[in-house]
Amino acid sequence: MDAYMGTITVFGFNYAPQDWALCQGQTYQVSQYEALYSLLGVIYGGSASQNFKLPNLSGRMPIGTGPAQPAYNLPAYNPGQIGGQQNVTLTSNNLPPHTHGGTAMKVAFNAAGVPTPATPASAPSSSNCYLGASGAGTGLANIWSTALNSPVAVQGFSIAGTTDSTGNGAAVSVLNPFLALNFCIAINGLYPVRP
């Protein structure tokens, strides 16, 4: 198969055929592959005039090059440019704006002991044992509820509630579903002459 030197294609087998090399970032000497170097230069790495590297597509997805396209919110991509990552750690900046709650916070206090002075309306008992009555009682202590198991407001008492932070900050995979294939580059072949 005659191919243009520098062509990258995919093979279904696991080796590079004759005149091709795996796209795994190998370093080649300029003196041995001058024609290929004249096409690739050090776009994919290397030290000019001594060696150069082949593209490395191991675990990477190729993307088309071109100028920025603001209408599609796409940046410019240059040959040899690399980017992206397989995992990211999300922060609160990644969450959509939202609020917690929407309902009032209810708080119940259980009485521990007998208030002073002890009166039937203000002493804790099996039917009168917790804080919360707003105006109920004898007037000696308007802080005891007359109903069991029903949290009610405590006179002159307020609570400001907040939500506790949570989470461990574990990285999240952003890797697309994939199929591993054998990308190879033609290191010998027809020289692609510019039109």
N, C-alpha and C. Protein backbone atom coordinates (compact mmCIF):
# COMPACT_ATOMS: atom_id res chain seq x y z
N MET A 1 0.85 -1.18 0.00
CA MET A 1 0.00 0.00 0.00
C MET A 1 0.89 1.23 0.00
N ASP A 2 0.79 2.05 -1.00
CA ASP A 2 1.53 3.30 -1.03
C ASP A 2 0.75 4.35 -0.26
N ALA A 3 1.42 4.95 0.70
CA ALA A 3 0.77 5.97 1.54
C ALA A 3 1.68 7.18 1.58
N TYR A 4 1.08 8.32 1.80
CA TYR A 4 1.89 9.52 2.01
C TYR A 4 2.62 9.40 3.34
N MET A 5 3.90 9.76 3.34
CA MET A 5 4.69 9.77 4.56
C MET A 5 4.02 10.71 5.57
N GLY A 6 3.90 10.28 6.81
CA GLY A 6 3.24 11.10 7.84
C GLY A 6 1.76 10.81 8.00
N THR A 7 1.20 9.96 7.12
CA THR A 7 -0.20 9.59 7.25
C THR A 7 -0.40 8.77 8.51
N ILE A 8 -1.45 9.07 9.25
CA ILE A 8 -1.80 8.28 10.42
C ILE A 8 -3.10 7.54 10.10
N THR A 9 -3.08 6.24 10.35
CA THR A 9 -4.28 5.44 10.11
C THR A 9 -4.41 4.40 11.21
N VAL A 10 -5.52 3.70 11.21
CA VAL A 10 -5.83 2.73 12.26
C VAL A 10 -5.80 1.33 11.66
N PHE A 11 -5.15 0.42 12.39
CA PHE A 11 -5.12 -0.98 11.98
C PHE A 11 -5.80 -1.82 13.07
N GLY A 12 -6.42 -2.91 12.64
CA GLY A 12 -7.11 -3.77 13.59
C GLY A 12 -6.20 -4.78 14.26
N PHE A 13 -4.96 -4.92 13.79
CA PHE A 13 -4.02 -5.85 14.42
C PHE A 13 -3.10 -5.08 15.36
N ASN A 14 -2.25 -5.81 16.10
CA ASN A 14 -1.50 -5.18 17.19
C ASN A 14 -0.03 -4.88 16.89
N TYR A 15 0.32 -4.66 15.61
CA TYR A 15 1.69 -4.29 15.29
C TYR A 15 1.67 -3.29 14.14
N ALA A 16 2.81 -2.67 13.93
CA ALA A 16 2.95 -1.73 12.82
C ALA A 16 3.50 -2.48 11.61
N PRO A 17 2.82 -2.40 10.47
CA PRO A 17 3.35 -3.10 9.28
C PRO A 17 4.61 -2.41 8.75
N GLN A 18 5.22 -3.03 7.77
CA GLN A 18 6.44 -2.46 7.18
C GLN A 18 6.18 -1.06 6.67
N ASP A 19 7.13 -0.16 6.91
CA ASP A 19 7.10 1.26 6.53
C ASP A 19 6.14 2.08 7.40
N TRP A 20 5.65 1.50 8.47
CA TRP A 20 4.78 2.20 9.42
C TRP A 20 5.38 2.06 10.82
N ALA A 21 4.98 2.94 11.73
CA ALA A 21 5.43 2.85 13.12
C ALA A 21 4.23 3.13 14.02
N LEU A 22 4.24 2.54 15.21
CA LEU A 22 3.18 2.80 16.17
C LEU A 22 3.21 4.27 16.61
N CYS A 23 2.06 4.84 16.81
CA CYS A 23 1.98 6.23 17.31
C CYS A 23 2.05 6.22 18.82
N GLN A 24 3.27 6.03 19.34
CA GLN A 24 3.47 5.93 20.78
C GLN A 24 4.56 6.87 21.28
N GLY A 25 4.80 7.93 20.55
CA GLY A 25 5.75 8.95 21.01
C GLY A 25 7.20 8.56 20.95
N GLN A 26 7.58 7.60 20.08
CA GLN A 26 8.98 7.18 19.99
C GLN A 26 9.85 8.34 19.50
N THR A 27 11.11 8.29 19.90
CA THR A 27 12.09 9.29 19.46
C THR A 27 12.88 8.73 18.28
N TYR A 28 12.96 9.50 17.19
CA TYR A 28 13.72 9.11 16.00
C TYR A 28 14.83 10.12 15.77
N GLN A 29 15.92 9.64 15.18
CA GLN A 29 17.04 10.52 14.86
C GLN A 29 16.77 11.22 13.53
N VAL A 30 17.03 12.51 13.51
CA VAL A 30 16.83 13.31 12.29
C VAL A 30 17.68 12.76 11.15
N SER A 31 18.91 12.36 11.45
CA SER A 31 19.82 11.89 10.41
C SER A 31 19.31 10.62 9.72
N GLN A 32 18.47 9.83 10.38
CA GLN A 32 17.96 8.60 9.78
C GLN A 32 16.63 8.81 9.07
N TYR A 33 15.88 9.83 9.45
CA TYR A 33 14.55 10.05 8.87
C TYR A 33 14.38 11.53 8.51
N GLU A 34 15.27 12.03 7.65
CA GLU A 34 15.25 13.45 7.31
C GLU A 34 13.95 13.86 6.62
N ALA A 35 13.44 13.02 5.73
CA ALA A 35 12.21 13.36 5.01
C ALA A 35 11.02 13.46 5.98
N LEU A 36 10.91 12.49 6.87
CA LEU A 36 9.82 12.52 7.85
C LEU A 36 9.97 13.71 8.79
N TYR A 37 11.22 13.99 9.18
CA TYR A 37 11.47 15.14 10.06
C TYR A 37 11.08 16.44 9.36
N SER A 38 11.30 16.51 8.04
CA SER A 38 10.94 17.74 7.32
C SER A 38 9.43 17.97 7.35
N LEU A 39 8.65 16.90 7.57
CA LEU A 39 7.19 17.04 7.65
C LEU A 39 6.71 17.30 9.08
N LEU A 40 7.28 16.57 10.04
CA LEU A 40 6.81 16.65 11.42
C LEU A 40 7.54 17.69 12.25
N GLY A 41 8.83 17.89 11.96
CA GLY A 41 9.60 18.79 12.81
C GLY A 41 9.55 18.31 14.25
N VAL A 42 9.45 19.25 15.18
CA VAL A 42 9.36 18.88 16.60
C VAL A 42 7.96 19.20 17.13
N ILE A 43 6.96 19.09 16.26
CA ILE A 43 5.57 19.33 16.66
C ILE A 43 5.19 18.44 17.84
N TYR A 44 5.67 17.19 17.85
CA TYR A 44 5.28 16.23 18.88
C TYR A 44 6.39 16.01 19.91
N GLY A 45 7.42 16.85 19.88
CA GLY A 45 8.53 16.78 20.83
C GLY A 45 9.84 16.46 20.16
N GLY A 46 10.91 16.58 20.92
CA GLY A 46 12.25 16.33 20.41
C GLY A 46 13.10 17.58 20.50
N SER A 47 14.36 17.44 20.08
CA SER A 47 15.27 18.59 20.06
C SER A 47 15.64 18.85 18.61
N ALA A 48 15.32 20.03 18.15
CA ALA A 48 15.51 20.37 16.73
C ALA A 48 16.91 20.03 16.27
N SER A 49 16.99 19.49 15.06
CA SER A 49 18.20 19.11 14.33
C SER A 49 18.87 17.84 14.85
N GLN A 50 18.43 17.32 16.01
CA GLN A 50 19.02 16.08 16.51
C GLN A 50 18.03 14.93 16.49
N ASN A 51 16.88 15.13 17.12
CA ASN A 51 15.88 14.07 17.14
C ASN A 51 14.48 14.68 17.15
N PHE A 52 13.51 13.85 16.89
CA PHE A 52 12.11 14.28 16.90
C PHE A 52 11.26 13.11 17.37
N LYS A 53 10.07 13.41 17.78
CA LYS A 53 9.18 12.36 18.29
C LYS A 53 7.99 12.16 17.36
N LEU A 54 7.51 10.92 17.35
CA LEU A 54 6.28 10.60 16.64
C LEU A 54 5.09 10.98 17.52
N PRO A 55 3.93 11.16 16.93
CA PRO A 55 2.74 11.43 17.75
C PRO A 55 2.49 10.30 18.74
N ASN A 56 1.99 10.66 19.91
CA ASN A 56 1.67 9.65 20.92
C ASN A 56 0.16 9.60 21.11
N LEU A 57 -0.46 8.58 20.54
CA LEU A 57 -1.91 8.41 20.68
C LEU A 57 -2.26 7.31 21.69
N SER A 58 -1.29 6.89 22.49
CA SER A 58 -1.57 5.89 23.52
C SER A 58 -2.50 6.51 24.57
N GLY A 59 -3.69 5.98 24.67
CA GLY A 59 -4.64 6.48 25.65
C GLY A 59 -5.16 7.88 25.38
N ARG A 60 -5.03 8.34 24.14
CA ARG A 60 -5.49 9.69 23.78
C ARG A 60 -6.47 9.63 22.62
N MET A 61 -7.32 10.62 22.58
CA MET A 61 -8.29 10.73 21.49
C MET A 61 -7.80 11.82 20.53
N PRO A 62 -7.70 11.53 19.24
CA PRO A 62 -7.31 12.59 18.31
C PRO A 62 -8.44 13.61 18.16
N ILE A 63 -8.06 14.84 17.90
CA ILE A 63 -9.04 15.91 17.71
C ILE A 63 -8.60 16.76 16.53
N GLY A 64 -9.54 17.25 15.77
CA GLY A 64 -9.20 18.04 14.58
C GLY A 64 -8.58 19.38 14.93
N THR A 65 -7.61 19.81 14.10
CA THR A 65 -6.98 21.11 14.31
C THR A 65 -7.76 22.19 13.57
N GLY A 66 -7.50 23.42 13.94
CA GLY A 66 -8.15 24.52 13.24
C GLY A 66 -8.25 25.75 14.11
N PRO A 67 -8.68 26.86 13.50
CA PRO A 67 -8.79 28.12 14.24
C PRO A 67 -9.98 28.09 15.20
N ALA A 68 -10.00 29.04 16.10
CA ALA A 68 -11.12 29.16 17.04
C ALA A 68 -12.41 29.42 16.28
N GLN A 69 -13.50 28.88 16.81
CA GLN A 69 -14.82 29.08 16.23
C GLN A 69 -15.75 29.61 17.31
N PRO A 70 -15.73 30.93 17.50
CA PRO A 70 -16.53 31.53 18.58
C PRO A 70 -18.02 31.22 18.48
N ALA A 71 -18.54 31.07 17.27
CA ALA A 71 -19.97 30.79 17.12
C ALA A 71 -20.35 29.47 17.79
N TYR A 72 -19.39 28.54 17.88
CA TYR A 72 -19.64 27.24 18.50
C TYR A 72 -18.94 27.10 19.85
N ASN A 73 -18.37 28.21 20.34
CA ASN A 73 -17.66 28.23 21.61
C ASN A 73 -16.49 27.23 21.61
N LEU A 74 -15.79 27.14 20.47
CA LEU A 74 -14.66 26.22 20.34
C LEU A 74 -13.35 27.01 20.26
N PRO A 75 -12.34 26.61 21.03
CA PRO A 75 -11.04 27.28 20.94
C PRO A 75 -10.25 26.79 19.73
N ALA A 76 -9.12 27.41 19.47
CA ALA A 76 -8.22 26.97 18.41
C ALA A 76 -7.46 25.73 18.89
N TYR A 77 -7.23 24.80 17.98
CA TYR A 77 -6.42 23.62 18.28
C TYR A 77 -5.29 23.56 17.26
N ASN A 78 -4.06 23.48 17.74
CA ASN A 78 -2.88 23.45 16.87
C ASN A 78 -2.31 22.05 16.80
N PRO A 79 -1.66 21.68 15.67
CA PRO A 79 -1.05 20.35 15.57
C PRO A 79 -0.08 20.12 16.73
N GLY A 80 -0.17 18.95 17.35
CA GLY A 80 0.72 18.60 18.46
C GLY A 80 0.22 19.05 19.83
N GLN A 81 -0.82 19.86 19.85
CA GLN A 81 -1.34 20.34 21.13
C GLN A 81 -1.99 19.20 21.90
N ILE A 82 -1.71 19.12 23.20
CA ILE A 82 -2.34 18.09 24.03
C ILE A 82 -3.14 18.76 25.13
N GLY A 83 -4.09 18.04 25.67
CA GLY A 83 -4.90 18.60 26.76
C GLY A 83 -5.88 17.57 27.27
N GLY A 84 -6.67 18.00 28.22
CA GLY A 84 -7.68 17.12 28.80
C GLY A 84 -7.10 16.23 29.88
N GLN A 85 -7.98 15.57 30.60
CA GLN A 85 -7.58 14.63 31.64
C GLN A 85 -8.67 13.59 31.81
N GLN A 86 -8.29 12.45 32.36
CA GLN A 86 -9.24 11.35 32.51
C GLN A 86 -10.10 11.48 33.75
N ASN A 87 -9.59 12.15 34.78
CA ASN A 87 -10.33 12.31 36.03
C ASN A 87 -10.29 13.77 36.46
N VAL A 88 -11.36 14.23 37.06
CA VAL A 88 -11.41 15.58 37.61
C VAL A 88 -12.02 15.51 39.00
N THR A 89 -11.67 16.48 39.84
CA THR A 89 -12.27 16.60 41.16
C THR A 89 -13.24 17.76 41.12
N LEU A 90 -14.50 17.48 41.36
CA LEU A 90 -15.53 18.51 41.31
C LEU A 90 -15.48 19.37 42.57
N THR A 91 -15.78 20.64 42.44
CA THR A 91 -15.86 21.56 43.57
C THR A 91 -17.25 22.17 43.59
N SER A 92 -17.50 23.00 44.58
CA SER A 92 -18.82 23.65 44.67
C SER A 92 -19.06 24.54 43.46
N ASN A 93 -18.01 25.01 42.80
CA ASN A 93 -18.18 25.83 41.59
C ASN A 93 -18.77 25.04 40.44
N ASN A 94 -18.66 23.70 40.48
CA ASN A 94 -19.22 22.86 39.43
C ASN A 94 -20.70 22.55 39.62
N LEU A 95 -21.23 22.85 40.79
CA LEU A 95 -22.63 22.56 41.08
C LEU A 95 -23.52 23.66 40.54
N PRO A 96 -24.72 23.33 40.11
CA PRO A 96 -25.65 24.38 39.70
C PRO A 96 -26.10 25.17 40.92
N PRO A 97 -26.45 26.45 40.74
CA PRO A 97 -26.94 27.24 41.88
C PRO A 97 -28.18 26.57 42.48
N HIS A 98 -28.21 26.47 43.80
CA HIS A 98 -29.36 25.85 44.46
C HIS A 98 -29.39 26.27 45.92
N THR A 99 -30.50 26.01 46.60
CA THR A 99 -30.63 26.28 48.02
C THR A 99 -31.01 24.99 48.73
N HIS A 100 -30.75 24.96 50.01
CA HIS A 100 -31.14 23.83 50.83
C HIS A 100 -32.30 24.28 51.71
N GLY A 101 -33.28 23.42 51.88
CA GLY A 101 -34.35 23.76 52.81
C GLY A 101 -35.64 24.06 52.10
N GLY A 102 -36.27 25.15 52.50
CA GLY A 102 -37.57 25.49 51.98
C GLY A 102 -38.64 25.31 53.04
N THR A 103 -38.31 24.60 54.12
CA THR A 103 -39.25 24.45 55.23
C THR A 103 -38.55 24.93 56.50
N ALA A 104 -39.36 25.31 57.51
CA ALA A 104 -38.81 25.81 58.76
C ALA A 104 -38.13 24.68 59.52
N MET A 105 -37.07 25.03 60.23
CA MET A 105 -36.38 24.07 61.06
C MET A 105 -37.18 23.89 62.35
N LYS A 106 -37.44 22.64 62.73
CA LYS A 106 -38.17 22.34 63.96
C LYS A 106 -37.22 21.74 64.97
N VAL A 107 -37.27 22.26 66.19
CA VAL A 107 -36.38 21.80 67.24
C VAL A 107 -37.21 21.44 68.46
N ALA A 108 -36.97 20.29 69.07
CA ALA A 108 -37.64 19.88 70.30
C ALA A 108 -36.60 19.69 71.38
N PHE A 109 -36.89 20.17 72.59
CA PHE A 109 -36.00 20.01 73.73
C PHE A 109 -36.67 19.11 74.75
N ASN A 110 -35.97 18.12 75.22
CA ASN A 110 -36.50 17.26 76.27
C ASN A 110 -36.07 17.84 77.61
N ALA A 111 -37.02 17.92 78.58
CA ALA A 111 -36.71 18.43 79.91
C ALA A 111 -35.89 17.40 80.67
N ALA A 112 -34.91 17.86 81.42
CA ALA A 112 -34.10 16.96 82.24
C ALA A 112 -34.16 17.47 83.67
N GLY A 113 -35.12 17.01 84.42
CA GLY A 113 -35.25 17.45 85.81
C GLY A 113 -36.55 18.19 86.02
N VAL A 114 -36.73 18.70 87.22
CA VAL A 114 -37.96 19.37 87.61
C VAL A 114 -37.69 20.86 87.75
N PRO A 115 -38.47 21.71 87.08
CA PRO A 115 -38.25 23.14 87.22
C PRO A 115 -38.64 23.63 88.60
N THR A 116 -38.14 24.80 88.97
CA THR A 116 -38.49 25.41 90.26
C THR A 116 -39.22 26.70 89.99
N PRO A 117 -40.34 27.01 90.62
CA PRO A 117 -41.05 26.12 91.56
C PRO A 117 -41.79 25.03 90.83
N ALA A 118 -41.98 23.90 91.50
CA ALA A 118 -42.67 22.77 90.89
C ALA A 118 -44.16 22.94 91.05
N THR A 119 -44.87 23.06 89.95
CA THR A 119 -46.33 23.15 89.96
C THR A 119 -46.86 22.18 88.95
N PRO A 120 -48.11 21.75 89.03
CA PRO A 120 -48.66 20.80 88.06
C PRO A 120 -48.55 21.30 86.63
N ALA A 121 -48.61 22.60 86.41
CA ALA A 121 -48.57 23.12 85.04
C ALA A 121 -47.15 23.25 84.52
N SER A 122 -46.15 23.25 85.39
CA SER A 122 -44.79 23.47 84.92
C SER A 122 -43.83 22.34 85.26
N ALA A 123 -44.27 21.31 85.97
CA ALA A 123 -43.40 20.19 86.29
C ALA A 123 -43.46 19.14 85.20
N PRO A 124 -42.30 18.60 84.77
CA PRO A 124 -42.33 17.57 83.75
C PRO A 124 -42.99 16.30 84.26
N SER A 125 -43.73 15.65 83.40
CA SER A 125 -44.39 14.39 83.75
C SER A 125 -44.56 13.58 82.47
N SER A 126 -45.23 12.45 82.57
CA SER A 126 -45.43 11.63 81.38
C SER A 126 -46.32 12.32 80.36
N SER A 127 -47.12 13.28 80.79
CA SER A 127 -47.98 14.00 79.85
C SER A 127 -47.56 15.45 79.66
N ASN A 128 -46.54 15.87 80.34
CA ASN A 128 -46.12 17.27 80.29
C ASN A 128 -44.62 17.31 80.55
N CYS A 129 -43.81 16.95 79.50
CA CYS A 129 -42.39 16.72 79.80
C CYS A 129 -41.38 17.43 78.91
N TYR A 130 -41.79 18.40 78.13
CA TYR A 130 -40.75 19.01 77.30
C TYR A 130 -41.03 20.48 77.04
N LEU A 131 -39.98 21.16 76.66
CA LEU A 131 -40.04 22.60 76.38
C LEU A 131 -40.90 22.89 75.17
N GLY A 132 -41.53 24.08 75.17
CA GLY A 132 -42.13 24.48 73.92
C GLY A 132 -43.43 25.20 73.98
N ALA A 133 -44.20 25.21 75.03
CA ALA A 133 -45.52 25.83 74.98
C ALA A 133 -45.40 27.33 74.84
N SER A 134 -46.14 27.89 73.93
CA SER A 134 -46.15 29.33 73.73
C SER A 134 -47.42 29.88 74.35
N GLY A 135 -47.33 30.25 75.62
CA GLY A 135 -48.50 30.79 76.31
C GLY A 135 -49.26 29.75 77.09
N ALA A 136 -48.93 28.47 76.98
CA ALA A 136 -49.62 27.44 77.75
C ALA A 136 -49.00 27.34 79.13
N GLY A 137 -49.71 26.81 80.09
CA GLY A 137 -49.21 26.67 81.45
C GLY A 137 -49.93 27.61 82.39
N THR A 138 -49.41 27.72 83.61
CA THR A 138 -50.09 28.51 84.65
C THR A 138 -49.67 29.96 84.66
N GLY A 139 -48.65 30.29 83.94
CA GLY A 139 -48.11 31.63 84.01
C GLY A 139 -46.85 31.67 84.83
N LEU A 140 -46.61 30.63 85.64
CA LEU A 140 -45.38 30.57 86.42
C LEU A 140 -44.19 30.28 85.50
N ALA A 141 -44.42 29.42 84.52
CA ALA A 141 -43.35 29.08 83.58
C ALA A 141 -44.00 28.73 82.24
N ASN A 142 -43.97 29.66 81.33
CA ASN A 142 -44.58 29.43 80.02
C ASN A 142 -43.62 28.73 79.05
N ILE A 143 -42.91 27.75 79.54
CA ILE A 143 -41.94 27.07 78.68
C ILE A 143 -42.23 25.59 78.56
N TRP A 144 -43.26 25.08 79.20
CA TRP A 144 -43.52 23.65 79.15
C TRP A 144 -44.72 23.36 78.28
N SER A 145 -44.58 22.39 77.42
CA SER A 145 -45.66 22.05 76.52
C SER A 145 -46.72 21.22 77.22
N THR A 146 -47.93 21.32 76.76
CA THR A 146 -49.01 20.49 77.31
C THR A 146 -49.35 19.34 76.38
N ALA A 147 -48.62 19.18 75.27
CA ALA A 147 -48.86 18.09 74.33
C ALA A 147 -47.57 17.31 74.14
N LEU A 148 -47.65 16.00 74.18
CA LEU A 148 -46.47 15.15 73.99
C LEU A 148 -46.12 15.01 72.51
N ASN A 149 -44.85 14.83 72.23
CA ASN A 149 -44.35 14.47 70.90
C ASN A 149 -44.80 15.40 69.79
N SER A 150 -44.90 16.67 70.09
CA SER A 150 -45.26 17.63 69.05
C SER A 150 -44.40 18.87 69.23
N PRO A 151 -43.27 18.97 68.57
CA PRO A 151 -42.41 20.14 68.77
C PRO A 151 -43.14 21.44 68.46
N VAL A 152 -43.08 22.37 69.40
CA VAL A 152 -43.71 23.67 69.22
C VAL A 152 -42.68 24.75 69.50
N ALA A 153 -43.01 25.98 69.18
CA ALA A 153 -42.08 27.09 69.35
C ALA A 153 -41.83 27.37 70.82
N VAL A 154 -40.61 27.73 71.16
CA VAL A 154 -40.26 28.14 72.51
C VAL A 154 -40.30 29.66 72.56
N GLN A 155 -41.00 30.20 73.57
CA GLN A 155 -41.14 31.65 73.65
C GLN A 155 -39.78 32.31 73.78
N GLY A 156 -39.53 33.34 72.98
CA GLY A 156 -38.31 34.11 73.08
C GLY A 156 -37.05 33.35 72.68
N PHE A 157 -37.19 32.31 71.89
CA PHE A 157 -36.04 31.48 71.53
C PHE A 157 -36.01 31.31 70.01
N SER A 158 -34.84 31.46 69.40
CA SER A 158 -34.73 31.26 67.96
C SER A 158 -33.43 30.52 67.65
N ILE A 159 -33.44 29.79 66.56
CA ILE A 159 -32.27 29.02 66.12
C ILE A 159 -31.99 29.34 64.67
N ALA A 160 -30.73 29.61 64.34
CA ALA A 160 -30.32 29.79 62.95
C ALA A 160 -29.67 28.48 62.51
N GLY A 161 -30.19 27.88 61.47
CA GLY A 161 -29.67 26.59 61.03
C GLY A 161 -28.77 26.71 59.81
N THR A 162 -27.76 25.87 59.73
CA THR A 162 -26.90 25.78 58.55
C THR A 162 -26.74 24.30 58.19
N THR A 163 -26.31 24.05 56.97
CA THR A 163 -26.05 22.67 56.57
C THR A 163 -24.57 22.39 56.72
N ASP A 164 -24.24 21.21 57.19
CA ASP A 164 -22.85 20.83 57.34
C ASP A 164 -22.28 20.45 55.99
N SER A 165 -20.98 20.70 55.82
CA SER A 165 -20.33 20.28 54.58
C SER A 165 -20.14 18.77 54.61
N THR A 166 -20.10 18.19 53.44
CA THR A 166 -19.94 16.74 53.35
C THR A 166 -19.18 16.40 52.08
N GLY A 167 -18.79 15.17 51.95
CA GLY A 167 -18.09 14.72 50.74
C GLY A 167 -16.62 14.48 51.01
N ASN A 168 -15.99 13.70 50.13
CA ASN A 168 -14.58 13.35 50.27
C ASN A 168 -13.70 13.91 49.17
N GLY A 169 -14.28 14.54 48.15
CA GLY A 169 -13.47 15.11 47.07
C GLY A 169 -12.83 14.08 46.17
N ALA A 170 -13.41 12.89 46.06
CA ALA A 170 -12.84 11.86 45.19
C ALA A 170 -12.96 12.29 43.73
N ALA A 171 -11.97 11.94 42.94
CA ALA A 171 -11.97 12.28 41.51
C ALA A 171 -13.09 11.55 40.78
N VAL A 172 -13.63 12.20 39.77
CA VAL A 172 -14.70 11.64 38.96
C VAL A 172 -14.14 11.35 37.57
N SER A 173 -14.40 10.17 37.05
CA SER A 173 -13.92 9.83 35.71
C SER A 173 -14.74 10.57 34.66
N VAL A 174 -14.05 11.19 33.73
CA VAL A 174 -14.71 11.86 32.60
C VAL A 174 -14.31 11.19 31.28
N LEU A 175 -13.83 9.97 31.38
CA LEU A 175 -13.38 9.22 30.22
C LEU A 175 -14.58 8.70 29.44
N ASN A 176 -14.62 9.01 28.15
CA ASN A 176 -15.70 8.51 27.30
C ASN A 176 -15.58 6.99 27.14
N PRO A 177 -16.68 6.32 26.85
CA PRO A 177 -16.55 4.90 26.49
C PRO A 177 -15.57 4.78 25.32
N PHE A 178 -14.76 3.74 25.32
CA PHE A 178 -13.71 3.68 24.30
C PHE A 178 -13.53 2.27 23.76
N LEU A 179 -12.85 2.21 22.63
CA LEU A 179 -12.38 0.97 22.02
C LEU A 179 -10.94 1.22 21.61
N ALA A 180 -10.00 0.47 22.17
CA ALA A 180 -8.59 0.66 21.86
C ALA A 180 -8.27 0.11 20.47
N LEU A 181 -7.64 0.94 19.64
CA LEU A 181 -7.24 0.54 18.29
C LEU A 181 -5.77 0.87 18.08
N ASN A 182 -5.20 0.37 17.03
CA ASN A 182 -3.78 0.50 16.74
C ASN A 182 -3.53 1.64 15.75
N PHE A 183 -3.17 2.82 16.26
CA PHE A 183 -2.84 3.96 15.41
C PHE A 183 -1.39 3.85 14.96
N CYS A 184 -1.15 3.98 13.66
CA CYS A 184 0.20 3.91 13.11
C CYS A 184 0.42 5.08 12.16
N ILE A 185 1.69 5.45 12.00
CA ILE A 185 2.08 6.54 11.12
C ILE A 185 3.04 6.00 10.06
N ALA A 186 2.84 6.45 8.83
CA ALA A 186 3.73 6.03 7.74
C ALA A 186 5.06 6.77 7.87
N ILE A 187 6.13 5.99 8.07
CA ILE A 187 7.45 6.61 8.21
C ILE A 187 8.24 6.57 6.90
N ASN A 188 7.76 5.79 5.95
CA ASN A 188 8.31 5.75 4.59
C ASN A 188 7.13 5.77 3.63
N GLY A 189 7.33 6.31 2.47
CA GLY A 189 6.26 6.34 1.48
C GLY A 189 6.40 7.54 0.55
N LEU A 190 5.32 7.92 -0.05
CA LEU A 190 5.32 9.05 -0.96
C LEU A 190 5.45 10.34 -0.18
N TYR A 191 6.25 11.26 -0.71
CA TYR A 191 6.42 12.54 -0.02
C TYR A 191 5.25 13.44 -0.41
N PRO A 192 4.49 13.96 0.56
CA PRO A 192 3.33 14.82 0.23
C PRO A 192 3.79 16.21 -0.18
N VAL A 193 3.74 16.48 -1.47
CA VAL A 193 4.17 17.79 -1.96
C VAL A 193 3.02 18.77 -1.82
N ARG A 194 3.32 19.96 -1.35
CA ARG A 194 2.29 20.99 -1.21
C ARG A 194 1.80 21.42 -2.60
N PRO A 195 0.51 21.69 -2.76
CA PRO A 195 0.00 22.12 -4.07
C PRO A 195 0.48 23.52 -4.41
